[in-house]
């Protein structure tokens, strides 16, 4: 028993378009992973390819099974949500781990970490008008 024969041709073209778009976006993310030089550049491209590529493939799956079963099918959205949330978080954690490793090894290509105290002091100075502080940093 083949249900594909009952599938309308115009809808098959629609599903195929979404599958090609999703596969193309994932392929672009793969090329970014292969071609970019540093690890920090490489973690960005697969995230975008996976997120948008998964969205297009999940949409094609929703359309296909909704037409075949003659009712709305939305449980594929859970797959899309899971992949869309976990992939960027995973790459963010990998990036932080690599940044920590490079800073502990004193890699010269990685920017130095500013101390939180100096950042907070700069933010405080930016919030206050200039007339409040003397050149020595004391209040008038």
Protein backbone atom coordinates (compact mmCIF):
# COMPACT_ATOMS: atom_id res chain seq x y z
CA UNK A 1 0.00 0.00 0.00
CA UNK A 2 1.68 3.17 -1.24
CA UNK A 3 0.37 6.49 0.07
CA UNK A 4 2.74 8.52 -2.05
CA UNK A 5 0.56 7.88 -5.12
CA UNK A 6 -2.26 9.78 -3.38
CA UNK A 7 -0.02 12.78 -2.68
CA UNK A 8 -0.85 15.79 -4.94
CA UNK A 9 1.90 16.73 -7.37
CA UNK A 10 1.75 20.46 -6.62
CA UNK A 11 2.19 19.73 -2.91
CA UNK A 12 5.13 17.41 -3.66
CA UNK A 13 6.88 20.30 -5.41
CA UNK A 14 6.20 22.50 -2.39
CA UNK A 15 7.65 19.92 0.02
CA UNK A 16 10.64 19.31 -2.27
CA UNK A 17 11.36 23.05 -2.34
CA UNK A 18 11.50 23.22 1.45
CA UNK A 19 13.70 20.13 1.59
CA UNK A 20 16.11 21.62 -0.93
CA UNK A 21 16.19 24.94 0.94
CA UNK A 22 16.84 23.17 4.25
CA UNK A 23 19.53 20.94 2.79
CA UNK A 24 21.14 23.93 1.06
CA UNK A 25 21.28 25.97 4.26
CA UNK A 26 22.78 23.06 6.14
CA UNK A 27 25.34 22.60 3.34
CA UNK A 28 26.29 26.28 3.56
CA UNK A 29 26.84 25.85 7.30
CA UNK A 30 29.05 22.83 6.56
CA UNK A 31 31.14 24.83 4.08
CA UNK A 32 31.52 27.55 6.71
CA UNK A 33 32.75 24.95 9.18
CA UNK A 34 35.27 23.68 6.63
CA UNK A 35 36.50 26.98 5.16
CA UNK A 36 36.74 29.37 8.11
CA UNK A 37 40.15 29.58 9.75
CA UNK A 38 39.80 29.95 13.50
CA UNK A 39 37.71 27.92 15.91
CA UNK A 40 35.80 31.05 16.94
CA UNK A 41 34.77 31.71 13.33
CA UNK A 42 33.87 28.07 12.78
CA UNK A 43 31.34 27.81 15.59
CA UNK A 44 29.08 30.45 14.04
CA UNK A 45 28.38 29.01 10.57
CA UNK A 46 27.03 25.57 11.59
CA UNK A 47 24.69 27.16 14.12
CA UNK A 48 22.98 29.25 11.47
CA UNK A 49 22.91 26.40 8.97
CA UNK A 50 21.50 23.99 11.50
CA UNK A 51 18.83 26.35 12.82
CA UNK A 52 17.43 27.57 9.51
CA UNK A 53 18.05 24.27 7.73
CA UNK A 54 16.19 22.37 10.43
CA UNK A 55 13.30 24.84 10.27
CA UNK A 56 12.85 24.29 6.52
CA UNK A 57 13.09 20.49 6.79
CA UNK A 58 10.65 20.41 9.72
CA UNK A 59 8.23 22.59 7.76
CA UNK A 60 8.46 20.20 4.80
CA UNK A 61 7.75 17.28 7.13
CA UNK A 62 4.75 19.04 8.68
CA UNK A 63 3.27 19.76 5.25
CA UNK A 64 3.93 16.26 3.93
CA UNK A 65 2.41 14.34 6.83
CA UNK A 66 -0.48 16.79 7.25
CA UNK A 67 -1.52 16.23 3.63
CA UNK A 68 -1.03 12.46 3.81
CA UNK A 69 -2.99 12.01 7.02
CA UNK A 70 -5.65 14.65 6.18
CA UNK A 71 -5.20 16.31 9.56
CA UNK A 72 -2.74 18.82 11.01
CA UNK A 73 0.47 17.22 12.25
CA UNK A 74 2.54 19.42 14.52
CA UNK A 75 4.64 17.06 16.66
CA UNK A 76 7.63 17.73 14.41
CA UNK A 77 7.74 21.20 15.91
CA UNK A 78 9.16 19.63 19.07
CA UNK A 79 12.13 18.36 17.06
CA UNK A 80 12.68 21.80 15.56
CA UNK A 81 12.47 23.52 18.94
CA UNK A 82 14.89 21.05 20.50
CA UNK A 83 17.49 21.43 17.73
CA UNK A 84 17.06 25.21 17.52
CA UNK A 85 17.60 25.64 21.26
CA UNK A 86 20.32 23.09 21.91
CA UNK A 87 22.63 23.80 18.97
CA UNK A 88 23.41 27.46 19.75
CA UNK A 89 23.72 26.74 23.47
CA UNK A 90 26.15 23.89 22.78
CA UNK A 91 28.29 26.01 20.48
CA UNK A 92 28.24 28.85 23.01
CA UNK A 93 29.55 26.52 25.71
CA UNK A 94 32.22 25.17 23.35
CA UNK A 95 33.26 28.74 22.54
CA UNK A 96 33.55 29.66 26.20
CA UNK A 97 35.57 26.53 26.96
CA UNK A 98 37.95 27.31 24.07
CA UNK A 99 38.25 30.93 25.20
CA UNK A 100 39.07 29.83 28.75
CA UNK A 101 41.67 27.38 27.45
CA UNK A 102 43.28 29.96 25.16
CA UNK A 103 43.40 32.57 27.93
CA UNK A 104 44.92 30.12 30.41
CA UNK A 105 47.57 29.19 27.82
CA UNK A 106 48.16 32.94 27.25
CA UNK A 107 47.47 32.76 23.53
CA UNK A 108 48.35 36.22 22.08
CA UNK A 109 45.54 36.13 19.50
CA UNK A 110 42.81 36.04 22.14
CA UNK A 111 41.74 39.36 23.71
CA UNK A 112 42.65 39.74 27.36
CA UNK A 113 39.87 39.59 29.90
CA UNK A 114 39.06 42.92 31.55
CA UNK A 115 38.48 42.81 35.26
CA UNK A 116 34.84 43.35 36.21
CA UNK A 117 35.80 46.21 38.53
CA UNK A 118 37.29 48.30 35.70
CA UNK A 119 34.25 47.68 33.51
CA UNK A 120 31.89 48.73 36.31
CA UNK A 121 33.93 51.87 36.97
CA UNK A 122 33.73 52.84 33.30
CA UNK A 123 29.96 52.30 33.28
CA UNK A 124 29.52 54.43 36.39
CA UNK A 125 31.51 57.25 34.82
CA UNK A 126 29.43 57.08 31.66
CA UNK A 127 26.17 57.45 33.61
CA UNK A 128 27.21 60.58 35.52
CA UNK A 129 27.45 64.04 33.96
CA UNK A 130 30.99 65.37 33.62
CA UNK A 131 30.39 68.31 35.98
CA UNK A 132 29.87 65.96 38.93
CA UNK A 133 33.49 64.75 38.93
CA UNK A 134 36.71 66.69 39.23
CA UNK A 135 39.73 65.59 37.23
CA UNK A 136 40.93 63.57 40.20
CA UNK A 137 37.68 61.59 40.18
CA UNK A 138 36.25 63.10 43.39
CA UNK A 139 32.86 64.75 43.71
CA UNK A 140 32.53 68.51 43.71
